[in-house]
Amino acid sequence: MLRISDTVKTAWFPRVFPFLLFVTFIALESLIEFISRYYAPLVIVAEYDSYIFYPIKTVLVGIAMLFMWKRYTEINMRNTFSVKNVLVGLMAGAGVFVLWINMDMKFATMSEPKEFNPFIIDNSLFFYLIISFRLFGSSVVVPVFEEIFWRSFIIRYIINPKFENVPVGQFTWLSFVISSIFFGLEHNLWLAGIMAGVSYSLVLYYTRNLVVAMFSHGVTNLLLGIYVLTTGNWQFW
């Protein structure tokens, strides 16, 4: 019988746990929203749960990754921010952002998005805290754990279950297609998500550097956050 301590020591655990922890909070929000349809006292909780849970899951996932950081041997900072890599990351990230905000098509949306509008918060301190956590979470924490999960673990695991033996950035059509599709299906805007998955994978293949893919992902999310705050298109948040 595999003990918890043995599971924690496995190579896949630090790459999967932060992702599952974040997704658990998303599932909890969906559960609260579902129950609130039949239990009136939960309606007010369902309305504000995302504003409460986002800072919590951002902090918890961030702490989890910091504790396991030394185990992410695929993260190589050497030559990460060369001029070439920075330009590739910026252009790819900005390109995904432009495509993302122009792919808000009905057929490419899984469900009616739950808008994250911080302007409903009356307290100015909480308002700025909520915005800060959202921008930091989406542009720093999310790109790190998602790229570790999708572009480091999943894409290599499909090639070989002993994924740690697969070099970062090794290409196969099967791993490229499957990881990109499932990355897209993780998002409400699934078509835009698939497009983003393809783009970040291409960045990884070109640079052979996971951190550049994280950087590109972060650029997209930061631009998207600024766009949402300045235009009020809350469906993208």
C-alpha atoms as a PDB file:
ATOM      1  CA  MET A   1       0.000   0.000   0.000  1.00  0.00           C
ATOM      2  CA  LEU A   2       1.418   3.373  -1.069  1.00  0.00           C
ATOM      3  CA  ARG A   3       1.725   5.702   1.903  1.00  0.00           C
ATOM      4  CA  ILE A   4       1.121   9.458   1.689  1.00  0.00           C
ATOM      5  CA  SER A   5       4.799  10.114   2.386  1.00  0.00           C
ATOM      6  CA  ASP A   6       5.739   7.850  -0.523  1.00  0.00           C
ATOM      7  CA  THR A   7       3.308   9.679  -2.823  1.00  0.00           C
ATOM      8  CA  VAL A   8       4.782  13.048  -1.890  1.00  0.00           C
ATOM      9  CA  LYS A   9       8.234  11.756  -2.799  1.00  0.00           C
ATOM     10  CA  THR A  10       7.214  10.669  -6.308  1.00  0.00           C
ATOM     11  CA  ALA A  11       8.408  12.721  -9.277  1.00  0.00           C
ATOM     12  CA  TRP A  12       4.882  13.534 -10.440  1.00  0.00           C
ATOM     13  CA  PHE A  13       3.549  14.855  -7.108  1.00  0.00           C
ATOM     14  CA  PRO A  14       5.137  18.360  -7.082  1.00  0.00           C
ATOM     15  CA  ARG A  15       4.072  18.844 -10.695  1.00  0.00           C
ATOM     16  CA  VAL A  16       0.477  17.727 -10.186  1.00  0.00           C
ATOM     17  CA  PHE A  17      -0.432  18.802  -6.643  1.00  0.00           C
ATOM     18  CA  PRO A  18      -0.447  22.626  -7.172  1.00  0.00           C
ATOM     19  CA  PHE A  19      -2.668  22.191 -10.241  1.00  0.00           C
ATOM     20  CA  LEU A  20      -5.101  19.908  -8.389  1.00  0.00           C
ATOM     21  CA  LEU A  21      -5.169  22.260  -5.398  1.00  0.00           C
ATOM     22  CA  PHE A  22      -6.143  25.194  -7.622  1.00  0.00           C
ATOM     23  CA  VAL A  23      -8.754  23.140  -9.484  1.00  0.00           C
ATOM     24  CA  THR A  24     -10.245  21.953  -6.179  1.00  0.00           C
ATOM     25  CA  PHE A  25     -11.169  25.531  -5.302  1.00  0.00           C
ATOM     26  CA  ILE A  26     -12.761  25.990  -8.734  1.00  0.00           C
ATOM     27  CA  ALA A  27     -14.792  22.814  -8.154  1.00  0.00           C
ATOM     28  CA  LEU A  28     -15.796  24.090  -4.704  1.00  0.00           C
ATOM     29  CA  GLU A  29     -17.071  27.339  -6.229  1.00  0.00           C
ATOM     30  CA  SER A  30     -19.115  25.384  -8.770  1.00  0.00           C
ATOM     31  CA  LEU A  31     -20.518  23.169  -6.007  1.00  0.00           C
ATOM     32  CA  ILE A  32     -21.559  26.175  -3.908  1.00  0.00           C
ATOM     33  CA  GLU A  33     -23.222  27.765  -6.939  1.00  0.00           C
ATOM     34  CA  PHE A  34     -25.119  24.540  -7.689  1.00  0.00           C
ATOM     35  CA  ILE A  35     -26.308  24.052  -4.093  1.00  0.00           C
ATOM     36  CA  SER A  36     -27.333  27.728  -3.849  1.00  0.00           C
ATOM     37  CA  ARG A  37     -30.037  27.078  -6.459  1.00  0.00           C
ATOM     38  CA  TYR A  38     -31.803  24.840  -3.931  1.00  0.00           C
ATOM     39  CA  TYR A  39     -30.629  26.363  -0.657  1.00  0.00           C
ATOM     40  CA  ALA A  40     -31.302  30.100  -0.492  1.00  0.00           C
ATOM     41  CA  PRO A  41     -28.855  31.003   2.331  1.00  0.00           C
ATOM     42  CA  LEU A  42     -25.954  30.051   0.060  1.00  0.00           C
ATOM     43  CA  VAL A  43     -26.955  32.527  -2.662  1.00  0.00           C
ATOM     44  CA  ILE A  44     -24.933  35.374  -1.132  1.00  0.00           C
ATOM     45  CA  VAL A  45     -21.966  33.015  -0.622  1.00  0.00           C
ATOM     46  CA  ALA A  46     -22.145  31.916  -4.268  1.00  0.00           C
ATOM     47  CA  GLU A  47     -22.132  35.549  -5.362  1.00  0.00           C
ATOM     48  CA  TYR A  48     -18.905  36.379  -3.539  1.00  0.00           C
ATOM     49  CA  ASP A  49     -17.098  33.033  -3.223  1.00  0.00           C
ATOM     50  CA  SER A  50     -14.724  33.679  -6.129  1.00  0.00           C
ATOM     51  CA  TYR A  51     -13.570  36.939  -4.507  1.00  0.00           C
ATOM     52  CA  ILE A  52     -12.867  35.053  -1.280  1.00  0.00           C
ATOM     53  CA  PHE A  53     -11.343  31.902  -2.742  1.00  0.00           C
ATOM     54  CA  TYR A  54      -9.056  33.485  -5.340  1.00  0.00           C
ATOM     55  CA  PRO A  55      -6.662  35.068  -2.806  1.00  0.00           C
ATOM     56  CA  ILE A  56      -6.744  31.884  -0.702  1.00  0.00           C
ATOM     57  CA  LYS A  57      -5.929  29.523  -3.561  1.00  0.00           C
ATOM     58  CA  THR A  58      -3.296  31.900  -4.931  1.00  0.00           C
ATOM     59  CA  VAL A  59      -1.476  31.963  -1.588  1.00  0.00           C
ATOM     60  CA  LEU A  60      -1.820  28.224  -0.917  1.00  0.00           C
ATOM     61  CA  VAL A  61      -0.655  27.192  -4.390  1.00  0.00           C
ATOM     62  CA  GLY A  62       2.205  29.681  -4.246  1.00  0.00           C
ATOM     63  CA  ILE A  63       3.346  28.342  -0.866  1.00  0.00           C
ATOM     64  CA  ALA A  64       3.077  24.743  -2.088  1.00  0.00           C
ATOM     65  CA  MET A  65       5.310  25.464  -5.072  1.00  0.00           C
ATOM     66  CA  LEU A  66       7.848  27.331  -2.947  1.00  0.00           C
ATOM     67  CA  PHE A  67       8.149  24.334  -0.611  1.00  0.00           C
ATOM     68  CA  MET A  68       8.724  22.013  -3.577  1.00  0.00           C
ATOM     69  CA  TRP A  69      10.750  24.418  -5.724  1.00  0.00           C
ATOM     70  CA  LYS A  70      14.030  22.479  -5.523  1.00  0.00           C
ATOM     71  CA  ARG A  71      12.267  19.466  -7.023  1.00  0.00           C
ATOM     72  CA  TYR A  72      11.446  21.306 -10.244  1.00  0.00           C
ATOM     73  CA  THR A  73      14.690  20.286 -11.890  1.00  0.00           C
ATOM     74  CA  GLU A  74      13.304  21.188 -15.320  1.00  0.00           C
ATOM     75  CA  ILE A  75      13.316  24.887 -14.411  1.00  0.00           C
ATOM     76  CA  ASN A  76      16.564  26.231 -15.812  1.00  0.00           C
ATOM     77  CA  MET A  77      17.232  29.958 -15.472  1.00  0.00           C
ATOM     78  CA  ARG A  78      20.425  29.822 -17.551  1.00  0.00           C
ATOM     79  CA  ASN A  79      20.024  31.936 -20.688  1.00  0.00           C
ATOM     80  CA  THR A  80      16.307  32.204 -19.950  1.00  0.00           C
ATOM     81  CA  PHE A  81      16.189  35.951 -20.443  1.00  0.00           C
ATOM     82  CA  SER A  82      18.429  36.257 -23.456  1.00  0.00           C
ATOM     83  CA  VAL A  83      17.244  38.842 -25.981  1.00  0.00           C
ATOM     84  CA  LYS A  84      15.947  36.082 -28.251  1.00  0.00           C
ATOM     85  CA  ASN A  85      13.967  34.351 -25.517  1.00  0.00           C
ATOM     86  CA  VAL A  86      12.495  37.574 -24.172  1.00  0.00           C
ATOM     87  CA  LEU A  87      11.356  38.610 -27.653  1.00  0.00           C
ATOM     88  CA  VAL A  88       9.880  35.171 -28.347  1.00  0.00           C
ATOM     89  CA  GLY A  89       8.059  35.178 -25.007  1.00  0.00           C
ATOM     90  CA  LEU A  90       6.738  38.712 -25.451  1.00  0.00           C
ATOM     91  CA  MET A  91       5.560  38.231 -29.032  1.00  0.00           C
ATOM     92  CA  ALA A  92       3.915  34.886 -28.367  1.00  0.00           C
ATOM     93  CA  GLY A  93       2.271  36.138 -25.154  1.00  0.00           C
ATOM     94  CA  ALA A  94       0.978  39.301 -26.803  1.00  0.00           C
ATOM     95  CA  GLY A  95      -0.199  37.313 -29.824  1.00  0.00           C
ATOM     96  CA  VAL A  96      -2.217  34.936 -27.655  1.00  0.00           C
ATOM     97  CA  PHE A  97      -3.759  37.928 -25.854  1.00  0.00           C
ATOM     98  CA  VAL A  98      -4.886  39.533 -29.125  1.00  0.00           C
ATOM     99  CA  LEU A  99      -6.364  36.278 -30.378  1.00  0.00           C
ATOM    100  CA  TRP A 100      -7.976  35.518 -26.998  1.00  0.00           C
ATOM    101  CA  ILE A 101     -10.041  38.695 -26.826  1.00  0.00           C
ATOM    102  CA  ASN A 102     -11.145  38.194 -30.430  1.00  0.00           C
ATOM    103  CA  MET A 103     -12.239  34.562 -30.005  1.00  0.00           C
ATOM    104  CA  ASP A 104     -15.152  35.243 -27.641  1.00  0.00           C
ATOM    105  CA  MET A 105     -17.502  33.258 -29.878  1.00  0.00           C
ATOM    106  CA  LYS A 106     -20.653  31.575 -28.631  1.00  0.00           C
ATOM    107  CA  PHE A 107     -19.829  28.164 -30.101  1.00  0.00           C
ATOM    108  CA  ALA A 108     -16.346  28.314 -28.592  1.00  0.00           C
ATOM    109  CA  THR A 109     -17.597  28.929 -25.040  1.00  0.00           C
ATOM    110  CA  MET A 110     -18.443  26.044 -22.733  1.00  0.00           C
ATOM    111  CA  SER A 111     -20.878  27.954 -20.540  1.00  0.00           C
ATOM    112  CA  GLU A 112     -21.967  31.425 -19.530  1.00  0.00           C
ATOM    113  CA  PRO A 113     -18.897  32.837 -17.768  1.00  0.00           C
ATOM    114  CA  LYS A 114     -19.084  33.904 -14.136  1.00  0.00           C
ATOM    115  CA  GLU A 115     -17.793  37.459 -14.275  1.00  0.00           C
ATOM    116  CA  PHE A 116     -15.149  38.595 -11.804  1.00  0.00           C
ATOM    117  CA  ASN A 117     -15.928  42.291 -11.307  1.00  0.00           C
ATOM    118  CA  PRO A 118     -13.978  43.829  -8.380  1.00  0.00           C
ATOM    119  CA  PHE A 119     -15.945  47.074  -8.655  1.00  0.00           C
ATOM    120  CA  ILE A 120     -18.813  45.476  -6.737  1.00  0.00           C
ATOM    121  CA  ILE A 121     -16.554  45.699  -3.647  1.00  0.00           C
ATOM    122  CA  ASP A 122     -17.375  48.870  -1.709  1.00  0.00           C
ATOM    123  CA  ASN A 123     -14.402  48.791   0.650  1.00  0.00           C
ATOM    124  CA  SER A 124     -11.407  50.429  -1.084  1.00  0.00           C
ATOM    125  CA  LEU A 125      -8.834  48.321   0.816  1.00  0.00           C
ATOM    126  CA  PHE A 126     -10.507  45.048  -0.194  1.00  0.00           C
ATOM    127  CA  PHE A 127     -10.986  46.383  -3.724  1.00  0.00           C
ATOM    128  CA  TYR A 128      -7.262  46.943  -4.263  1.00  0.00           C
ATOM    129  CA  LEU A 129      -6.368  43.697  -2.477  1.00  0.00           C
ATOM    130  CA  ILE A 130      -8.716  41.740  -4.733  1.00  0.00           C
ATOM    131  CA  ILE A 131      -7.256  43.339  -7.876  1.00  0.00           C
ATOM    132  CA  SER A 132      -3.682  42.784  -6.663  1.00  0.00           C
ATOM    133  CA  PHE A 133      -4.288  39.113  -5.887  1.00  0.00           C
ATOM    134  CA  ARG A 134      -6.073  38.596  -9.191  1.00  0.00           C
ATOM    135  CA  LEU A 135      -3.332  40.202 -11.272  1.00  0.00           C
ATOM    136  CA  PHE A 136      -0.529  38.500  -9.335  1.00  0.00           C
ATOM    137  CA  GLY A 137      -2.290  35.156  -9.311  1.00  0.00           C
ATOM    138  CA  SER A 138      -3.176  35.162 -12.991  1.00  0.00           C
ATOM    139  CA  SER A 139       0.114  36.557 -14.302  1.00  0.00           C
ATOM    140  CA  VAL A 140       2.601  34.862 -11.942  1.00  0.00           C
ATOM    141  CA  VAL A 141       1.193  31.921  -9.964  1.00  0.00           C
ATOM    142  CA  VAL A 142      -1.093  30.468 -12.647  1.00  0.00           C
ATOM    143  CA  PRO A 143       1.489  30.507 -15.479  1.00  0.00           C
ATOM    144  CA  VAL A 144       4.052  28.776 -13.262  1.00  0.00           C
ATOM    145  CA  PHE A 145       1.926  25.874 -12.014  1.00  0.00           C
ATOM    146  CA  GLU A 146       0.066  25.430 -15.314  1.00  0.00           C
ATOM    147  CA  GLU A 147       3.249  25.299 -17.375  1.00  0.00           C
ATOM    148  CA  ILE A 148       4.810  22.889 -14.878  1.00  0.00           C
ATOM    149  CA  PHE A 149       1.729  20.682 -15.119  1.00  0.00           C
ATOM    150  CA  TRP A 150       0.998  20.885 -18.859  1.00  0.00           C
ATOM    151  CA  ARG A 151       4.288  21.689 -20.606  1.00  0.00           C
ATOM    152  CA  SER A 152       6.569  19.829 -18.193  1.00  0.00           C
ATOM    153  CA  PHE A 153       4.591  16.908 -16.770  1.00  0.00           C
ATOM    154  CA  ILE A 154       1.719  16.043 -19.132  1.00  0.00           C
ATOM    155  CA  ILE A 155       3.536  16.681 -22.404  1.00  0.00           C
ATOM    156  CA  ARG A 156       6.464  14.500 -21.281  1.00  0.00           C
ATOM    157  CA  TYR A 157       4.323  11.843 -19.558  1.00  0.00           C
ATOM    158  CA  ILE A 158       2.490  11.174 -22.832  1.00  0.00           C
ATOM    159  CA  ILE A 159       5.865  10.442 -24.441  1.00  0.00           C
ATOM    160  CA  ASN A 160       7.059   8.255 -21.575  1.00  0.00           C
ATOM    161  CA  PRO A 161       5.436   7.588 -18.156  1.00  0.00           C
ATOM    162  CA  LYS A 162       8.961   7.939 -16.752  1.00  0.00           C
ATOM    163  CA  PHE A 163       8.677  11.561 -17.786  1.00  0.00           C
ATOM    164  CA  GLU A 164      11.730  12.754 -15.867  1.00  0.00           C
ATOM    165  CA  ASN A 165      13.837  10.893 -18.443  1.00  0.00           C
ATOM    166  CA  VAL A 166      12.319  12.935 -21.301  1.00  0.00           C
ATOM    167  CA  PRO A 167      14.179  16.181 -22.118  1.00  0.00           C
ATOM    168  CA  VAL A 168      12.143  19.361 -21.716  1.00  0.00           C
ATOM    169  CA  GLY A 169      10.910  20.497 -25.106  1.00  0.00           C
ATOM    170  CA  GLN A 170      11.056  17.101 -26.818  1.00  0.00           C
ATOM    171  CA  PHE A 171       8.504  17.057 -29.618  1.00  0.00           C
ATOM    172  CA  THR A 172       6.061  14.344 -30.654  1.00  0.00           C
ATOM    173  CA  TRP A 173       2.845  14.989 -32.519  1.00  0.00           C
ATOM    174  CA  LEU A 174       0.801  12.948 -30.043  1.00  0.00           C
ATOM    175  CA  SER A 175       1.984  14.806 -26.943  1.00  0.00           C
ATOM    176  CA  PHE A 176       1.709  18.172 -28.698  1.00  0.00           C
ATOM    177  CA  VAL A 177      -1.884  17.630 -29.878  1.00  0.00           C
ATOM    178  CA  ILE A 178      -3.239  15.945 -26.746  1.00  0.00           C
ATOM    179  CA  SER A 179      -1.704  18.414 -24.285  1.00  0.00           C
ATOM    180  CA  SER A 180      -2.880  21.416 -26.344  1.00  0.00           C
ATOM    181  CA  ILE A 181      -6.451  20.122 -26.614  1.00  0.00           C
ATOM    182  CA  PHE A 182      -6.794  19.279 -22.934  1.00  0.00           C
ATOM    183  CA  PHE A 183      -5.195  22.565 -21.928  1.00  0.00           C
ATOM    184  CA  GLY A 184      -7.875  24.278 -24.011  1.00  0.00           C
ATOM    185  CA  LEU A 185     -10.693  22.241 -22.480  1.00  0.00           C
ATOM    186  CA  GLU A 186      -9.549  23.438 -19.057  1.00  0.00           C
ATOM    187  CA  HIS A 187     -10.764  26.918 -20.044  1.00  0.00           C
ATOM    188  CA  ASN A 188     -14.285  28.208 -20.561  1.00  0.00           C
ATOM    189  CA  LEU A 189     -13.168  29.683 -23.903  1.00  0.00           C
ATOM    190  CA  TRP A 190     -12.004  26.282 -25.100  1.00  0.00           C
ATOM    191  CA  LEU A 191     -11.005  27.260 -28.642  1.00  0.00           C
ATOM    192  CA  ALA A 192      -8.941  30.190 -27.382  1.00  0.00           C
ATOM    193  CA  GLY A 193      -7.477  27.841 -24.769  1.00  0.00           C
ATOM    194  CA  ILE A 194      -6.399  25.321 -27.397  1.00  0.00           C
ATOM    195  CA  MET A 195      -4.827  28.116 -29.417  1.00  0.00           C
ATOM    196  CA  ALA A 196      -2.964  29.259 -26.294  1.00  0.00           C
ATOM    197  CA  GLY A 197      -1.821  25.709 -25.566  1.00  0.00           C
ATOM    198  CA  VAL A 198      -0.441  25.403 -29.084  1.00  0.00           C
ATOM    199  CA  SER A 199       1.370  28.732 -28.782  1.00  0.00           C
ATOM    200  CA  TYR A 200       3.011  28.046 -25.412  1.00  0.00           C
ATOM    201  CA  SER A 201       4.049  24.578 -26.601  1.00  0.00           C
ATOM    202  CA  LEU A 202       5.677  26.106 -29.689  1.00  0.00           C
ATOM    203  CA  VAL A 203       7.541  28.536 -27.434  1.00  0.00           C
ATOM    204  CA  LEU A 204       8.775  25.572 -25.399  1.00  0.00           C
ATOM    205  CA  TYR A 205       9.854  23.618 -28.485  1.00  0.00           C
ATOM    206  CA  TYR A 206      11.655  26.614 -29.952  1.00  0.00           C
ATOM    207  CA  THR A 207      13.515  27.704 -26.815  1.00  0.00           C
ATOM    208  CA  ARG A 208      13.761  24.355 -24.985  1.00  0.00           C
ATOM    209  CA  ASN A 209      13.180  26.412 -21.855  1.00  0.00           C
ATOM    210  CA  LEU A 210      10.124  25.990 -19.620  1.00  0.00           C
ATOM    211  CA  VAL A 211      10.630  29.381 -17.973  1.00  0.00           C
ATOM    212  CA  VAL A 212      10.192  31.149 -21.321  1.00  0.00           C
ATOM    213  CA  ALA A 213       6.844  29.385 -21.736  1.00  0.00           C
ATOM    214  CA  MET A 214       5.909  30.553 -18.216  1.00  0.00           C
ATOM    215  CA  PHE A 215       6.985  34.087 -19.121  1.00  0.00           C
ATOM    216  CA  SER A 216       4.938  34.043 -22.329  1.00  0.00           C
ATOM    217  CA  HIS A 217       1.894  32.720 -20.453  1.00  0.00           C
ATOM    218  CA  GLY A 218       2.349  35.426 -17.827  1.00  0.00           C
ATOM    219  CA  VAL A 219       2.533  38.157 -20.485  1.00  0.00           C
ATOM    220  CA  THR A 220      -0.789  36.991 -21.921  1.00  0.00           C
ATOM    221  CA  ASN A 221      -2.518  36.946 -18.548  1.00  0.00           C
ATOM    222  CA  LEU A 222      -1.094  40.294 -17.464  1.00  0.00           C
ATOM    223  CA  LEU A 223      -2.224  41.980 -20.687  1.00  0.00           C
ATOM    224  CA  LEU A 224      -5.617  40.321 -20.332  1.00  0.00           C
ATOM    225  CA  GLY A 225      -5.946  41.572 -16.758  1.00  0.00           C
ATOM    226  CA  ILE A 226      -5.065  45.138 -17.756  1.00  0.00           C
ATOM    227  CA  TYR A 227      -7.471  44.928 -20.689  1.00  0.00           C
ATOM    228  CA  VAL A 228     -10.312  43.699 -18.481  1.00  0.00           C
ATOM    229  CA  LEU A 229      -9.761  46.403 -15.868  1.00  0.00           C
ATOM    230  CA  THR A 230      -9.651  49.174 -18.455  1.00  0.00           C
ATOM    231  CA  THR A 231     -12.549  48.007 -20.645  1.00  0.00           C
ATOM    232  CA  GLY A 232     -14.861  46.258 -18.192  1.00  0.00           C
ATOM    233  CA  ASN A 233     -15.009  43.055 -20.278  1.00  0.00           C
ATOM    234  CA  TRP A 234     -15.332  40.970 -17.124  1.00  0.00           C
ATOM    235  CA  GLN A 235     -16.226  37.793 -19.047  1.00  0.00           C
ATOM    236  CA  PHE A 236     -12.499  37.344 -19.702  1.00  0.00           C
ATOM    237  CA  TRP A 237     -11.771  37.278 -15.959  1.00  0.00           C
END
